[in-house]
Amino acid sequence: MTYQEKKSIVSLFSAVFIFGSYCLYMYPRLPAGGLESTETFSYWGSFVLILTLVSIVAHIIISIIFNIVFRITTREKEPAFADELDKLIDLRAHRNSFFVFILGFLFAMGSLIIYQPSQVMFMILVISGFISDVTGSITKLYHYRRGV
C-alpha cells in the first residue's frame, strides 16, 4: 500500500471515530424539552461549533501520529510533493465531498419547507457533513487503488 492509501484509510477511520465518539458524548446532553424546546438552537449551535473544533484538532493530532508511526515502521519520509495524479485525485475527492454536503444542505432546507422541527434540519446538516467527510476519504482511497 502506498502512503496516500494508508493516509486515506487513517482519515476514514479517524472521521468515523471522532464523529461517533463526539455524538455519544453529546447525546445525553440533548435538551429535555423535546423537539420544540427554546434550547434547541443553543444546543445545536454549540454541537456544530465544538464538533468542528474538536474534529480539526483531532485530525491534526492523528495526522502527526500517523506520520510518526509511518516513518518509524517504514523508515521512509512522507512524499514532499504532490504530482498531477495526487492533485487530480484530491480535486475529485473534494468535488464528491462538496456534492454530498450540498445535497444534505438542500435536504435540510427541504425539511423546513415541509414543516419539520428545526432539530431535524440540524441533524441532517450534521449527518451530511459527516457523510461528506467519509465520501472524500473513500473517493481518495478508491482512486489511489483503481486509478483515475
Protein backbone atom coordinates (compact mmCIF):
# COMPACT_ATOMS: atom_id res chain seq x y z
CA MET A 1 0.00 0.00 0.00
CA THR A 2 1.20 3.48 -0.79
CA TYR A 3 1.48 6.34 1.66
CA GLN A 4 -1.61 8.03 0.21
CA GLU A 5 -3.72 4.87 0.56
CA LYS A 6 -2.70 4.43 4.17
CA LYS A 7 -3.37 8.09 4.86
CA SER A 8 -6.85 7.80 3.32
CA ILE A 9 -7.66 4.77 5.46
CA VAL A 10 -6.47 6.53 8.61
CA SER A 11 -8.51 9.60 7.66
CA LEU A 12 -11.61 7.46 7.11
CA PHE A 13 -11.33 5.65 10.44
CA SER A 14 -10.48 8.83 12.31
CA ALA A 15 -13.53 10.63 10.88
CA VAL A 16 -15.80 7.78 11.95
CA PHE A 17 -14.17 7.57 15.39
CA ILE A 18 -14.26 11.33 16.03
CA PHE A 19 -17.87 11.74 14.91
CA GLY A 20 -19.09 8.64 16.71
CA SER A 21 -17.39 9.40 19.99
CA TYR A 22 -18.49 13.05 19.92
CA CYS A 23 -22.11 12.08 19.23
CA LEU A 24 -22.03 9.57 22.08
CA TYR A 25 -20.62 12.30 24.32
CA MET A 26 -23.26 14.87 23.34
CA TYR A 27 -26.31 12.58 23.18
CA PRO A 28 -27.04 12.67 26.94
CA ARG A 29 -26.97 16.47 26.79
CA LEU A 30 -29.97 16.79 24.45
CA PRO A 31 -32.48 19.40 25.63
CA ALA A 32 -35.10 17.79 27.86
CA GLY A 33 -37.94 19.91 26.49
CA GLY A 34 -38.31 17.92 23.28
CA LEU A 35 -38.02 18.95 19.67
CA GLU A 36 -39.55 22.42 20.11
CA SER A 37 -37.52 23.48 23.13
CA THR A 38 -36.07 27.00 23.27
CA GLU A 39 -32.68 25.43 23.99
CA THR A 40 -32.63 23.72 20.58
CA PHE A 41 -30.74 26.43 18.72
CA SER A 42 -28.23 26.87 21.54
CA TYR A 43 -27.63 23.12 21.76
CA TRP A 44 -27.19 22.57 18.01
CA GLY A 45 -25.11 25.70 17.58
CA SER A 46 -22.69 24.55 20.26
CA PHE A 47 -22.83 20.99 18.89
CA VAL A 48 -21.71 22.08 15.40
CA LEU A 49 -19.14 24.60 16.62
CA ILE A 50 -17.50 22.27 19.13
CA LEU A 51 -17.61 19.33 16.68
CA THR A 52 -15.82 21.45 14.09
CA LEU A 53 -13.10 22.49 16.52
CA VAL A 54 -12.68 19.01 18.00
CA SER A 55 -12.58 17.46 14.54
CA ILE A 56 -9.90 19.85 13.28
CA VAL A 57 -7.68 19.38 16.33
CA ALA A 58 -8.17 15.59 16.36
CA HIS A 59 -7.41 15.28 12.64
CA ILE A 60 -4.19 17.27 13.09
CA ILE A 61 -3.10 15.14 16.05
CA ILE A 62 -3.98 11.89 14.26
CA SER A 63 -2.12 13.06 11.14
CA ILE A 64 1.00 13.83 13.19
CA ILE A 65 0.82 10.46 14.94
CA PHE A 66 0.29 8.70 11.60
CA ASN A 67 3.35 10.38 10.09
CA ILE A 68 5.48 9.45 13.11
CA VAL A 69 4.33 5.81 13.05
CA PHE A 70 4.72 5.64 9.26
CA ARG A 71 8.26 6.96 9.45
CA ILE A 72 9.24 4.60 12.28
CA THR A 73 7.75 1.48 10.67
CA THR A 74 8.82 2.02 7.06
CA ARG A 75 11.84 4.29 7.53
CA GLU A 76 10.55 6.41 4.66
CA LYS A 77 9.64 10.07 4.64
CA GLU A 78 6.25 11.22 3.55
CA PRO A 79 6.23 12.44 -0.07
CA ALA A 80 7.41 16.05 -0.16
CA PHE A 81 5.45 16.94 -3.29
CA ALA A 82 2.16 16.15 -4.94
CA ASP A 83 2.23 15.17 -8.58
CA GLU A 84 -0.56 15.65 -11.11
CA LEU A 85 -2.23 12.38 -10.12
CA ASP A 86 -2.37 13.43 -6.46
CA LYS A 87 -3.86 16.79 -7.39
CA LEU A 88 -6.44 15.20 -9.68
CA ILE A 89 -7.48 12.71 -7.01
CA ASP A 90 -7.75 15.49 -4.43
CA LEU A 91 -9.94 17.52 -6.79
CA ARG A 92 -12.27 14.58 -7.41
CA ALA A 93 -12.48 13.80 -3.71
CA HIS A 94 -13.31 17.43 -2.90
CA ARG A 95 -15.90 17.53 -5.68
CA ASN A 96 -17.65 14.41 -4.40
CA SER A 97 -17.46 15.61 -0.82
CA PHE A 98 -18.93 19.02 -1.64
CA PHE A 99 -21.65 17.40 -3.77
CA VAL A 100 -22.74 15.21 -0.85
CA PHE A 101 -22.74 18.15 1.55
CA ILE A 102 -24.74 20.36 -0.81
CA LEU A 103 -27.32 17.58 -1.24
CA GLY A 104 -27.53 17.32 2.55
CA PHE A 105 -27.91 21.09 2.82
CA LEU A 106 -30.74 21.04 0.29
CA PHE A 107 -32.46 18.20 2.17
CA ALA A 108 -32.06 20.16 5.41
CA MET A 109 -33.68 23.23 3.88
CA GLY A 110 -36.36 20.99 2.36
CA SER A 111 -37.17 19.66 5.81
CA LEU A 112 -38.07 23.20 6.84
CA ILE A 113 -40.33 23.58 3.80
CA ILE A 114 -42.36 20.52 4.82
CA TYR A 115 -42.71 21.91 8.37
CA GLN A 116 -40.35 19.57 10.17
CA PRO A 117 -38.91 20.76 13.50
CA SER A 118 -35.71 22.77 13.35
CA GLN A 119 -33.90 19.97 15.16
CA VAL A 120 -34.41 17.73 12.10
CA MET A 121 -32.68 20.35 9.93
CA PHE A 122 -29.68 20.41 12.26
CA MET A 123 -29.47 16.62 12.36
CA ILE A 124 -29.50 16.45 8.56
CA LEU A 125 -26.77 19.12 8.34
CA VAL A 126 -24.52 17.36 10.85
CA ILE A 127 -25.02 13.94 9.27
CA SER A 128 -24.42 15.30 5.76
CA GLY A 129 -21.19 16.91 6.96
CA PHE A 130 -20.05 13.58 8.36
CA ILE A 131 -21.05 11.66 5.23
CA SER A 132 -19.28 14.20 3.03
CA ASP A 133 -16.07 13.73 5.04
CA VAL A 134 -16.35 9.96 4.68
CA THR A 135 -17.14 10.31 0.97
CA GLY A 136 -13.97 12.35 0.41
CA SER A 137 -11.82 9.73 2.15
CA ILE A 138 -13.45 6.84 0.29
CA THR A 139 -13.06 8.66 -3.05
CA LYS A 140 -9.35 9.19 -2.40
CA LEU A 141 -8.88 5.56 -1.41
CA TYR A 142 -10.83 4.34 -4.45
CA HIS A 143 -8.85 6.46 -6.92
CA TYR A 144 -5.49 5.58 -5.40
CA ARG A 145 -6.42 1.90 -5.63
CA ARG A 146 -8.10 1.87 -9.05
CA GLY A 147 -6.58 4.89 -10.75
CA VAL A 148 -8.25 7.89 -12.27
